[in-house]
């Protein structure tokens, strides 16, 4: 138990100065298999570019029920704004990166990812509650 708590605190301390973002998109149904295939072998230029510009953790989740619905969780340097990775950015000017990002955008129904806002957060010590519990239904 003790080592688990130490690991949890170590993770929390490591992530304290990081910004967390969740994004959502839908892949065109006919492009889904290609999208998944590309993400089993992400181009190294893309991975190194994301790391260079402050991405510390990036995970894409696929819905089990709605197969073409994706969410992307990102932890990044607190001073990074996602627009710094957008069209015209230094990141996208890197060799192969612009090509990858344009290709990936072409797979999406809306052409891009949509940023989500947090509704509730629970940690081992606290939560984001700002009101008293509401027990009425």
N, C-alpha and C. Protein backbone atom coordinates (compact mmCIF):
# COMPACT_ATOMS: atom_id res chain seq x y z
N UNK A 1 0.83 -1.20 0.00
CA UNK A 1 0.00 0.00 0.00
C UNK A 1 0.87 1.26 0.00
N UNK A 2 1.88 1.27 0.85
CA UNK A 2 2.74 2.45 0.97
C UNK A 2 3.39 2.81 -0.36
N UNK A 3 3.95 1.80 -1.07
CA UNK A 3 4.62 2.11 -2.33
C UNK A 3 3.64 2.61 -3.37
N UNK A 4 2.39 2.12 -3.35
CA UNK A 4 1.37 2.61 -4.28
C UNK A 4 1.09 4.09 -4.06
N UNK A 5 1.01 4.49 -2.78
CA UNK A 5 0.78 5.90 -2.48
C UNK A 5 1.95 6.76 -2.93
N UNK A 6 3.17 6.26 -2.73
CA UNK A 6 4.35 7.00 -3.17
C UNK A 6 4.35 7.16 -4.68
N UNK A 7 4.00 6.09 -5.39
CA UNK A 7 3.95 6.17 -6.85
C UNK A 7 2.89 7.16 -7.30
N UNK A 8 1.74 7.13 -6.65
CA UNK A 8 0.66 8.05 -7.00
C UNK A 8 1.10 9.50 -6.77
N UNK A 9 1.72 9.75 -5.61
CA UNK A 9 2.20 11.11 -5.32
C UNK A 9 3.29 11.52 -6.31
N UNK A 10 4.16 10.58 -6.65
CA UNK A 10 5.23 10.87 -7.61
C UNK A 10 4.61 11.28 -8.95
N UNK A 11 3.59 10.54 -9.40
CA UNK A 11 2.92 10.88 -10.65
C UNK A 11 2.26 12.25 -10.53
N UNK A 12 1.56 12.48 -9.42
CA UNK A 12 0.87 13.76 -9.25
C UNK A 12 1.87 14.90 -9.24
N UNK A 13 2.99 14.78 -8.53
CA UNK A 13 4.01 15.83 -8.50
C UNK A 13 4.60 16.05 -9.88
N UNK A 14 4.78 14.97 -10.63
CA UNK A 14 5.36 15.08 -11.97
C UNK A 14 4.41 15.82 -12.90
N UNK A 15 3.11 15.68 -12.68
CA UNK A 15 2.15 16.28 -13.60
C UNK A 15 1.64 17.64 -13.13
N UNK A 16 2.01 18.08 -11.93
CA UNK A 16 1.48 19.33 -11.38
C UNK A 16 1.67 20.52 -12.31
N UNK A 17 2.82 20.64 -12.94
CA UNK A 17 3.10 21.81 -13.77
C UNK A 17 2.74 21.55 -15.23
N UNK A 18 1.86 20.63 -15.44
CA UNK A 18 1.43 20.31 -16.79
C UNK A 18 -0.03 20.69 -16.98
N UNK A 19 -0.33 21.03 -18.20
CA UNK A 19 -1.71 21.31 -18.58
C UNK A 19 -2.29 20.03 -19.17
N UNK A 20 -3.53 19.74 -18.86
CA UNK A 20 -4.20 18.57 -19.41
C UNK A 20 -5.35 19.02 -20.29
N UNK A 21 -5.48 18.37 -21.44
CA UNK A 21 -6.51 18.72 -22.41
C UNK A 21 -7.15 17.44 -22.93
N UNK A 22 -8.45 17.49 -23.14
CA UNK A 22 -9.17 16.38 -23.77
C UNK A 22 -9.83 16.92 -25.03
N UNK A 23 -9.67 16.18 -26.12
CA UNK A 23 -10.25 16.56 -27.40
C UNK A 23 -11.13 15.41 -27.90
N UNK A 24 -12.07 15.73 -28.78
CA UNK A 24 -12.98 14.74 -29.32
C UNK A 24 -13.13 14.95 -30.81
N UNK A 25 -13.31 13.87 -31.55
CA UNK A 25 -13.59 13.96 -32.98
C UNK A 25 -14.28 12.69 -33.45
N UNK A 26 -14.75 12.72 -34.68
CA UNK A 26 -15.27 11.51 -35.32
C UNK A 26 -14.52 11.33 -36.63
N UNK A 27 -14.11 10.09 -36.88
CA UNK A 27 -13.44 9.73 -38.12
C UNK A 27 -14.51 9.30 -39.12
N UNK A 28 -14.34 9.69 -40.37
CA UNK A 28 -15.25 9.22 -41.41
C UNK A 28 -15.23 7.69 -41.40
N UNK A 29 -16.40 7.08 -41.38
CA UNK A 29 -16.49 5.62 -41.25
C UNK A 29 -15.64 4.87 -42.27
N UNK A 30 -15.64 5.36 -43.50
CA UNK A 30 -14.87 4.69 -44.55
C UNK A 30 -13.36 4.88 -44.41
N UNK A 31 -12.93 5.78 -43.52
CA UNK A 31 -11.50 6.06 -43.31
C UNK A 31 -10.98 5.46 -41.99
N UNK A 32 -11.86 4.87 -41.19
CA UNK A 32 -11.49 4.42 -39.86
C UNK A 32 -10.34 3.41 -39.86
N UNK A 33 -10.41 2.39 -40.69
CA UNK A 33 -9.34 1.37 -40.70
C UNK A 33 -8.00 1.98 -41.09
N UNK A 34 -7.99 2.91 -42.05
CA UNK A 34 -6.74 3.58 -42.43
C UNK A 34 -6.21 4.41 -41.26
N UNK A 35 -7.09 5.13 -40.57
CA UNK A 35 -6.68 5.95 -39.44
C UNK A 35 -6.02 5.08 -38.37
N UNK A 36 -6.67 3.97 -38.03
CA UNK A 36 -6.13 3.08 -37.01
C UNK A 36 -4.79 2.48 -37.46
N UNK A 37 -4.69 2.13 -38.74
CA UNK A 37 -3.43 1.57 -39.26
C UNK A 37 -2.30 2.59 -39.13
N UNK A 38 -2.54 3.82 -39.51
CA UNK A 38 -1.51 4.86 -39.39
C UNK A 38 -1.07 5.02 -37.93
N UNK A 39 -1.98 4.87 -36.99
CA UNK A 39 -1.64 5.06 -35.58
C UNK A 39 -1.01 3.83 -34.93
N UNK A 40 -0.90 2.75 -35.69
CA UNK A 40 -0.08 1.63 -35.22
C UNK A 40 1.37 1.83 -35.64
N UNK A 41 1.63 2.85 -36.44
CA UNK A 41 2.99 3.16 -36.89
C UNK A 41 3.14 4.65 -37.14
N UNK A 42 2.94 5.45 -36.09
CA UNK A 42 3.04 6.91 -36.23
C UNK A 42 4.44 7.27 -36.69
N UNK A 43 4.51 8.18 -37.62
CA UNK A 43 5.79 8.59 -38.19
C UNK A 43 6.69 9.17 -37.09
N UNK A 44 7.96 8.77 -37.06
CA UNK A 44 8.87 9.25 -36.01
C UNK A 44 9.05 10.77 -36.02
N UNK A 45 8.94 11.40 -37.18
CA UNK A 45 9.06 12.86 -37.26
C UNK A 45 7.93 13.55 -36.49
N UNK A 46 6.76 12.93 -36.51
CA UNK A 46 5.60 13.46 -35.79
C UNK A 46 5.82 13.31 -34.29
N UNK A 47 6.22 12.11 -33.87
CA UNK A 47 6.45 11.88 -32.44
C UNK A 47 7.53 12.79 -31.88
N UNK A 48 8.65 12.91 -32.59
CA UNK A 48 9.73 13.76 -32.08
C UNK A 48 9.33 15.23 -32.09
N UNK A 49 8.53 15.64 -33.09
CA UNK A 49 8.05 17.02 -33.15
C UNK A 49 7.12 17.35 -31.99
N UNK A 50 6.20 16.44 -31.68
CA UNK A 50 5.29 16.67 -30.56
C UNK A 50 6.06 16.77 -29.25
N UNK A 51 7.03 15.89 -29.08
CA UNK A 51 7.85 15.95 -27.86
C UNK A 51 8.63 17.26 -27.78
N UNK A 52 9.22 17.66 -28.90
CA UNK A 52 10.03 18.89 -28.92
C UNK A 52 9.20 20.11 -28.51
N UNK A 53 7.95 20.15 -28.92
CA UNK A 53 7.12 21.32 -28.66
C UNK A 53 6.31 21.21 -27.37
N UNK A 54 6.60 20.20 -26.52
CA UNK A 54 6.04 20.21 -25.17
C UNK A 54 4.97 19.18 -24.84
N UNK A 55 4.69 18.25 -25.74
CA UNK A 55 3.72 17.19 -25.43
C UNK A 55 4.43 16.14 -24.58
N UNK A 56 3.90 15.88 -23.39
CA UNK A 56 4.50 14.93 -22.46
C UNK A 56 3.78 13.59 -22.49
N UNK A 57 2.50 13.60 -22.78
CA UNK A 57 1.70 12.38 -22.86
C UNK A 57 0.56 12.65 -23.83
N UNK A 58 0.33 11.73 -24.73
CA UNK A 58 -0.77 11.84 -25.68
C UNK A 58 -1.35 10.44 -25.86
N UNK A 59 -2.63 10.29 -25.55
CA UNK A 59 -3.30 9.00 -25.71
C UNK A 59 -4.60 9.23 -26.45
N UNK A 60 -4.84 8.42 -27.49
CA UNK A 60 -6.10 8.48 -28.24
C UNK A 60 -6.93 7.26 -27.84
N UNK A 61 -8.19 7.52 -27.48
CA UNK A 61 -9.12 6.47 -27.10
C UNK A 61 -10.19 6.33 -28.17
N UNK A 62 -10.59 5.09 -28.43
CA UNK A 62 -11.67 4.81 -29.37
C UNK A 62 -12.87 4.30 -28.58
N UNK A 63 -14.05 4.82 -28.89
CA UNK A 63 -15.27 4.36 -28.25
C UNK A 63 -15.52 2.90 -28.59
N UNK A 64 -15.95 2.12 -27.60
CA UNK A 64 -16.28 0.71 -27.86
C UNK A 64 -17.62 0.58 -28.59
N UNK A 65 -18.53 1.52 -28.38
CA UNK A 65 -19.85 1.45 -28.99
C UNK A 65 -19.92 2.17 -30.34
N UNK A 66 -19.39 3.39 -30.39
CA UNK A 66 -19.41 4.18 -31.62
C UNK A 66 -17.98 4.19 -32.15
N UNK A 67 -17.65 3.21 -32.98
CA UNK A 67 -16.27 2.92 -33.36
C UNK A 67 -15.52 4.10 -33.97
N UNK A 68 -16.22 5.00 -34.64
CA UNK A 68 -15.52 6.12 -35.27
C UNK A 68 -15.43 7.36 -34.37
N UNK A 69 -15.82 7.22 -33.09
CA UNK A 69 -15.72 8.32 -32.14
C UNK A 69 -14.43 8.18 -31.33
N UNK A 70 -13.62 9.24 -31.33
CA UNK A 70 -12.32 9.22 -30.65
C UNK A 70 -12.22 10.37 -29.65
N UNK A 71 -11.47 10.12 -28.58
CA UNK A 71 -11.07 11.16 -27.63
C UNK A 71 -9.56 11.12 -27.52
N UNK A 72 -8.94 12.29 -27.41
CA UNK A 72 -7.50 12.38 -27.24
C UNK A 72 -7.20 13.12 -25.95
N UNK A 73 -6.44 12.46 -25.07
CA UNK A 73 -6.00 13.06 -23.82
C UNK A 73 -4.56 13.49 -23.99
N UNK A 74 -4.26 14.75 -23.62
CA UNK A 74 -2.90 15.29 -23.77
C UNK A 74 -2.46 15.91 -22.45
N UNK A 75 -1.24 15.60 -22.04
CA UNK A 75 -0.57 16.35 -20.98
C UNK A 75 0.58 17.08 -21.66
N UNK A 76 0.70 18.37 -21.36
CA UNK A 76 1.71 19.18 -22.04
C UNK A 76 2.26 20.22 -21.09
N UNK A 77 3.38 20.81 -21.49
CA UNK A 77 3.95 21.90 -20.71
C UNK A 77 2.87 22.95 -20.47
N UNK A 78 2.87 23.50 -19.26
CA UNK A 78 1.80 24.45 -18.91
C UNK A 78 1.80 25.71 -19.77
N UNK A 79 2.93 26.03 -20.39
CA UNK A 79 2.99 27.24 -21.22
C UNK A 79 2.67 26.96 -22.69
N UNK A 80 2.37 25.72 -23.03
CA UNK A 80 2.05 25.38 -24.42
C UNK A 80 0.57 25.62 -24.68
N UNK A 81 0.27 26.22 -25.80
CA UNK A 81 -1.11 26.39 -26.27
C UNK A 81 -1.23 25.52 -27.52
N UNK A 82 -2.30 24.78 -27.65
CA UNK A 82 -2.44 23.88 -28.80
C UNK A 82 -2.38 24.59 -30.14
N UNK A 83 -2.69 25.88 -30.16
CA UNK A 83 -2.60 26.63 -31.41
C UNK A 83 -1.14 26.69 -31.91
N UNK A 84 -0.20 26.49 -30.99
CA UNK A 84 1.21 26.47 -31.37
C UNK A 84 1.57 25.23 -32.18
N UNK A 85 0.63 24.29 -32.27
CA UNK A 85 0.84 23.08 -33.07
C UNK A 85 -0.05 23.08 -34.31
N UNK A 86 -0.80 24.15 -34.51
CA UNK A 86 -1.77 24.22 -35.60
C UNK A 86 -1.19 24.61 -36.95
N UNK A 87 -2.07 24.82 -37.90
CA UNK A 87 -1.69 25.20 -39.26
C UNK A 87 -0.78 26.42 -39.22
N UNK A 88 0.33 26.37 -39.96
CA UNK A 88 1.28 27.47 -40.04
C UNK A 88 2.30 27.50 -38.91
N UNK A 89 2.20 26.59 -37.96
CA UNK A 89 3.12 26.57 -36.82
C UNK A 89 4.49 26.01 -37.20
N UNK A 90 5.47 26.29 -36.37
CA UNK A 90 6.82 25.73 -36.57
C UNK A 90 6.77 24.21 -36.54
N UNK A 91 5.94 23.66 -35.66
CA UNK A 91 5.78 22.21 -35.58
C UNK A 91 5.38 21.64 -36.94
N UNK A 92 4.40 22.24 -37.58
CA UNK A 92 3.90 21.71 -38.86
C UNK A 92 4.84 21.98 -40.02
N UNK A 93 5.82 22.85 -39.83
CA UNK A 93 6.81 23.10 -40.88
C UNK A 93 7.91 22.05 -40.89
N UNK A 94 7.96 21.21 -39.85
CA UNK A 94 8.98 20.16 -39.79
C UNK A 94 8.74 19.15 -40.92
N UNK A 95 9.84 18.58 -41.43
CA UNK A 95 9.69 17.58 -42.51
C UNK A 95 8.73 16.46 -42.11
N UNK A 96 7.82 16.13 -42.98
CA UNK A 96 6.82 15.08 -42.86
C UNK A 96 5.67 15.40 -41.90
N UNK A 97 5.85 16.30 -40.95
CA UNK A 97 4.81 16.59 -39.96
C UNK A 97 3.59 17.23 -40.62
N UNK A 98 3.79 18.25 -41.44
CA UNK A 98 2.67 18.89 -42.12
C UNK A 98 1.90 17.91 -42.99
N UNK A 99 2.63 17.02 -43.65
CA UNK A 99 2.01 15.99 -44.48
C UNK A 99 1.13 15.07 -43.62
N UNK A 100 1.68 14.63 -42.48
CA UNK A 100 0.93 13.76 -41.56
C UNK A 100 -0.33 14.45 -41.05
N UNK A 101 -0.19 15.68 -40.56
CA UNK A 101 -1.33 16.39 -39.96
C UNK A 101 -2.42 16.67 -40.99
N UNK A 102 -2.04 17.02 -42.21
CA UNK A 102 -3.03 17.24 -43.27
C UNK A 102 -3.75 15.94 -43.60
N UNK A 103 -3.01 14.84 -43.66
CA UNK A 103 -3.61 13.54 -43.92
C UNK A 103 -4.58 13.15 -42.80
N UNK A 104 -4.16 13.32 -41.55
CA UNK A 104 -5.03 12.95 -40.43
C UNK A 104 -6.30 13.82 -40.42
N UNK A 105 -6.16 15.12 -40.65
CA UNK A 105 -7.32 16.02 -40.70
C UNK A 105 -8.32 15.58 -41.77
N UNK A 106 -7.83 15.01 -42.87
CA UNK A 106 -8.72 14.58 -43.95
C UNK A 106 -9.57 13.37 -43.55
N UNK A 107 -9.20 12.68 -42.48
CA UNK A 107 -9.96 11.52 -42.01
C UNK A 107 -11.15 11.91 -41.14
N UNK A 108 -11.16 13.14 -40.62
CA UNK A 108 -12.17 13.54 -39.64
C UNK A 108 -13.43 14.08 -40.31
N UNK A 109 -14.59 13.76 -39.72
CA UNK A 109 -15.87 14.25 -40.24
C UNK A 109 -15.92 15.77 -40.26
N UNK A 110 -15.46 16.41 -39.19
CA UNK A 110 -15.49 17.87 -39.12
C UNK A 110 -14.17 18.51 -39.52
N UNK A 111 -13.19 17.71 -39.87
CA UNK A 111 -11.91 18.24 -40.29
C UNK A 111 -10.92 18.51 -39.18
N UNK A 112 -11.32 18.33 -37.91
CA UNK A 112 -10.38 18.61 -36.82
C UNK A 112 -10.89 18.00 -35.51
N UNK A 113 -10.10 18.20 -34.47
CA UNK A 113 -10.46 17.81 -33.10
C UNK A 113 -11.18 18.98 -32.43
N UNK A 114 -12.09 18.69 -31.51
CA UNK A 114 -12.81 19.70 -30.74
C UNK A 114 -12.38 19.60 -29.29
N UNK A 115 -11.95 20.73 -28.70
CA UNK A 115 -11.52 20.72 -27.31
C UNK A 115 -12.73 20.59 -26.39
N UNK A 116 -12.59 19.75 -25.38
CA UNK A 116 -13.65 19.55 -24.38
C UNK A 116 -13.27 20.30 -23.12
N UNK A 117 -14.27 20.59 -22.28
CA UNK A 117 -13.98 21.25 -21.01
C UNK A 117 -14.28 20.29 -19.86
N UNK A 118 -13.50 20.35 -18.80
CA UNK A 118 -13.73 19.45 -17.67
C UNK A 118 -15.07 19.75 -16.99
N UNK A 119 -15.74 18.69 -16.54
CA UNK A 119 -16.99 18.81 -15.80
C UNK A 119 -16.76 18.47 -14.33
N UNK A 120 -15.93 17.46 -14.08
CA UNK A 120 -15.69 17.02 -12.72
C UNK A 120 -14.33 16.33 -12.67
N UNK A 121 -13.60 16.55 -11.57
CA UNK A 121 -12.31 15.90 -11.34
C UNK A 121 -12.26 15.35 -9.93
N UNK A 122 -11.76 14.13 -9.80
CA UNK A 122 -11.55 13.48 -8.51
C UNK A 122 -10.10 13.05 -8.43
N UNK A 123 -9.42 13.44 -7.35
CA UNK A 123 -8.05 12.97 -7.10
C UNK A 123 -8.08 12.17 -5.80
N UNK A 124 -6.94 11.64 -5.41
CA UNK A 124 -6.90 10.86 -4.17
C UNK A 124 -7.19 11.71 -2.94
N UNK A 125 -7.01 13.03 -3.03
CA UNK A 125 -7.17 13.91 -1.87
C UNK A 125 -8.35 14.88 -1.95
N UNK A 126 -8.82 15.18 -3.13
CA UNK A 126 -9.79 16.25 -3.28
C UNK A 126 -10.66 16.02 -4.52
N UNK A 127 -11.55 16.94 -4.78
CA UNK A 127 -12.35 16.91 -6.00
C UNK A 127 -12.63 18.35 -6.43
N UNK A 128 -13.27 18.48 -7.56
CA UNK A 128 -13.57 19.82 -8.08
C UNK A 128 -14.93 20.32 -7.62
N UNK A 129 -15.53 19.67 -6.62
CA UNK A 129 -16.83 20.15 -6.10
C UNK A 129 -16.75 21.61 -5.71
N UNK A 130 -17.75 22.38 -6.12
CA UNK A 130 -17.85 23.78 -5.71
C UNK A 130 -19.17 24.05 -4.99
N UNK A 131 -20.03 23.02 -4.91
CA UNK A 131 -21.31 23.17 -4.25
C UNK A 131 -21.52 22.01 -3.30
N UNK A 132 -22.50 22.16 -2.40
CA UNK A 132 -22.88 21.07 -1.50
C UNK A 132 -23.50 19.95 -2.33
N UNK A 133 -23.40 18.71 -1.85
CA UNK A 133 -24.00 17.59 -2.58
C UNK A 133 -25.49 17.81 -2.81
N UNK A 134 -25.95 17.41 -3.98
CA UNK A 134 -27.36 17.52 -4.36
C UNK A 134 -27.96 16.12 -4.32
N UNK A 135 -28.79 15.84 -3.29
CA UNK A 135 -29.33 14.51 -3.11
C UNK A 135 -30.72 14.34 -3.72
N UNK A 136 -31.29 15.39 -4.28
CA UNK A 136 -32.62 15.26 -4.88
C UNK A 136 -32.49 14.71 -6.29
N UNK A 137 -33.48 13.97 -6.72
CA UNK A 137 -33.46 13.40 -8.08
C UNK A 137 -34.58 13.93 -8.91
